[in-house]
C-alpha cells in the first residue's frame, strides 16, 4: 500500500520576515526513511536555511522526524542535506548572495507530478520592522474585507 502524499510543507514565517526576489526549484538528496517521513508530513522548515559551500547548496537545520517504522538504520532528524541544482544556477545564486547581500531560504517542500520531492528556494532580502507592520496591516484589511463580502451574501 503506497504512503499518502501531503499537499506541501511550507515555511510560513519566511513571507513575514523577507521580501522574495527570485524563486528556484531544487531536488533534494534524501535517505529512504526520510522520504517516507516527509510523505507522512513529518517535517518542519521553520529554522531551515541554505549555505553555498564548495559549489554545492546545503540545506541546514531542516527537521525531518524519524520514521516510526524504521529500524536501526533510521536517519538523523537534523542532518545536512545536499540540494540538487544546475551548476549555472548555483553560480548565479552564489554571485547574488555575495554581491547584494541576499539570503537563500527554503520556502516549501512539495511533490512534483512524477512523485519526486522538490524544495522551492527563494532568494530573499530581509524586511525592516515597518515593512512587517505594513504586511500585517494588509493581511488584517484583507481578512476584514473577506468577512464583509461573506456577510453580504
Protein backbone atom coordinates (compact mmCIF):
# COMPACT_ATOMS: atom_id res chain seq x y z
CA UNK A 1 0.00 0.00 0.00
CA UNK A 2 1.60 3.34 -1.05
CA UNK A 3 2.06 6.09 1.51
CA UNK A 4 -0.22 9.13 1.29
CA UNK A 5 1.25 12.32 -0.17
CA UNK A 6 0.64 15.54 1.75
CA UNK A 7 -0.02 18.77 -0.11
CA UNK A 8 3.16 20.58 0.87
CA UNK A 9 5.26 21.65 3.81
CA UNK A 10 5.64 25.44 3.99
CA UNK A 11 7.89 27.79 5.92
CA UNK A 12 5.14 30.27 6.83
CA UNK A 13 7.45 32.54 8.79
CA UNK A 14 9.52 33.33 5.68
CA UNK A 15 6.85 35.51 3.99
CA UNK A 16 6.64 37.62 7.13
CA UNK A 17 10.41 38.02 7.56
CA UNK A 18 11.61 38.52 3.95
CA UNK A 19 10.89 40.17 0.59
CA UNK A 20 11.04 37.45 -2.07
CA UNK A 21 13.25 38.36 -5.04
CA UNK A 22 13.60 35.18 -7.11
CA UNK A 23 12.48 31.55 -6.81
CA UNK A 24 14.34 28.35 -7.69
CA UNK A 25 13.24 24.71 -7.76
CA UNK A 26 15.74 22.16 -6.46
CA UNK A 27 15.81 18.46 -5.89
CA UNK A 28 16.93 17.17 -2.52
CA UNK A 29 19.04 14.14 -1.71
CA UNK A 30 17.25 12.14 0.97
CA UNK A 31 17.56 8.73 2.55
CA UNK A 32 14.73 6.19 2.27
CA UNK A 33 13.38 6.71 5.77
CA UNK A 34 13.43 10.49 5.23
CA UNK A 35 11.29 10.16 2.11
CA UNK A 36 8.74 8.06 3.96
CA UNK A 37 8.65 10.52 6.84
CA UNK A 38 8.16 13.52 4.50
CA UNK A 39 5.34 11.68 2.72
CA UNK A 40 3.61 11.42 6.10
CA UNK A 41 4.11 15.18 6.59
CA UNK A 42 6.58 14.87 9.47
CA UNK A 43 8.90 17.75 8.56
CA UNK A 44 9.42 21.26 9.90
CA UNK A 45 11.12 24.06 7.97
CA UNK A 46 10.84 26.91 10.49
CA UNK A 47 14.58 27.06 11.33
CA UNK A 48 15.95 25.86 7.97
CA UNK A 49 18.44 27.85 5.91
CA UNK A 50 20.82 27.27 3.00
CA UNK A 51 24.56 27.73 2.54
CA UNK A 52 26.69 27.65 -0.59
CA UNK A 53 29.80 25.62 0.12
CA UNK A 54 32.29 24.07 -2.34
CA UNK A 55 30.00 24.58 -5.33
CA UNK A 56 27.06 22.89 -3.59
CA UNK A 57 23.99 24.25 -1.85
CA UNK A 58 23.50 22.65 1.55
CA UNK A 59 20.20 22.72 3.42
CA UNK A 60 20.82 23.00 7.14
CA UNK A 61 18.51 22.62 10.12
CA UNK A 62 15.59 21.03 8.24
CA UNK A 63 13.85 18.79 10.76
CA UNK A 64 12.53 15.52 9.36
CA UNK A 65 11.20 13.29 12.13
CA UNK A 66 12.50 9.75 12.33
CA UNK A 67 10.32 7.25 10.50
CA UNK A 68 8.35 5.41 13.16
CA UNK A 69 8.61 2.03 11.40
CA UNK A 70 12.33 2.45 10.71
CA UNK A 71 14.95 0.17 12.18
CA UNK A 72 18.50 0.82 13.42
CA UNK A 73 19.32 2.42 10.05
CA UNK A 74 16.94 5.34 10.64
CA UNK A 75 18.20 8.83 9.73
CA UNK A 76 19.29 11.71 11.98
CA UNK A 77 16.47 14.31 12.16
CA UNK A 78 18.56 17.48 11.58
CA UNK A 79 21.39 16.35 9.33
CA UNK A 80 22.72 18.49 6.47
CA UNK A 81 21.13 17.72 3.10
CA UNK A 82 22.53 18.50 -0.34
CA UNK A 83 20.26 20.28 -2.80
CA UNK A 84 20.41 19.34 -6.47
CA UNK A 85 20.69 22.31 -8.83
CA UNK A 86 22.49 23.01 -12.09
CA UNK A 87 25.97 24.48 -11.82
CA UNK A 88 24.87 27.69 -13.59
CA UNK A 89 22.04 28.21 -11.09
CA UNK A 90 24.38 27.62 -8.17
CA UNK A 91 26.86 30.15 -9.57
CA UNK A 92 24.09 32.72 -10.11
CA UNK A 93 22.81 32.26 -6.55
CA UNK A 94 26.31 32.46 -5.08
CA UNK A 95 27.03 35.68 -7.01
CA UNK A 96 23.78 37.36 -5.89
CA UNK A 97 24.36 36.37 -2.26
CA UNK A 98 27.88 37.84 -2.27
CA UNK A 99 27.13 40.99 -4.28
CA UNK A 100 23.83 42.24 -2.95
CA UNK A 101 23.59 40.59 0.44
CA UNK A 102 20.56 38.44 -0.32
CA UNK A 103 19.72 35.31 1.66
CA UNK A 104 18.79 31.90 0.32
CA UNK A 105 15.78 30.45 2.14
CA UNK A 106 13.94 27.16 1.65
CA UNK A 107 10.29 28.16 1.36
CA UNK A 108 8.39 24.93 0.77
CA UNK A 109 8.76 21.21 0.16
CA UNK A 110 6.34 19.64 -2.28
CA UNK A 111 5.89 16.66 -4.56
CA UNK A 112 6.37 17.06 -8.31
CA UNK A 113 3.99 15.49 -10.81
CA UNK A 114 6.31 12.47 -11.02
CA UNK A 115 6.26 11.98 -7.24
CA UNK A 116 9.72 13.43 -6.61
CA UNK A 117 10.34 15.61 -3.58
CA UNK A 118 11.30 19.16 -4.53
CA UNK A 119 12.34 22.20 -2.49
CA UNK A 120 11.38 25.72 -3.52
CA UNK A 121 14.27 28.02 -2.70
CA UNK A 122 13.82 31.76 -2.52
CA UNK A 123 16.44 34.45 -2.94
CA UNK A 124 15.24 36.98 -0.39
CA UNK A 125 16.04 40.24 1.33
CA UNK A 126 15.21 40.84 4.99
CA UNK A 127 12.27 43.12 5.85
CA UNK A 128 12.54 46.06 8.20
CA UNK A 129 10.15 46.25 11.16
CA UNK A 130 7.96 48.88 9.48
CA UNK A 131 7.59 46.58 6.45
CA UNK A 132 6.43 43.79 8.77
CA UNK A 133 3.83 46.06 10.36
CA UNK A 134 2.62 47.08 6.91
CA UNK A 135 2.21 43.47 5.78
CA UNK A 136 0.29 42.65 8.98
CA UNK A 137 -1.99 45.62 8.33
CA UNK A 138 -2.62 44.49 4.72
CA UNK A 139 -3.42 40.95 5.89
CA UNK A 140 -5.88 42.22 8.52
CA UNK A 141 -7.59 44.53 5.98
CA UNK A 142 -7.93 41.65 3.51
CA UNK A 143 -9.41 39.43 6.21
CA UNK A 144 -11.92 42.14 7.18
CA UNK A 145 -12.96 42.68 3.54
CA UNK A 146 -13.49 38.94 3.11
CA UNK A 147 -15.72 38.89 6.19
CA UNK A 148 -17.77 41.80 4.85
CA UNK A 149 -18.16 40.13 1.44
CA UNK A 150 -19.17 36.87 3.09
CA UNK A 151 -21.79 38.55 5.30
CA UNK A 152 -23.34 40.39 2.33
CA UNK A 153 -24.33 37.15 0.63
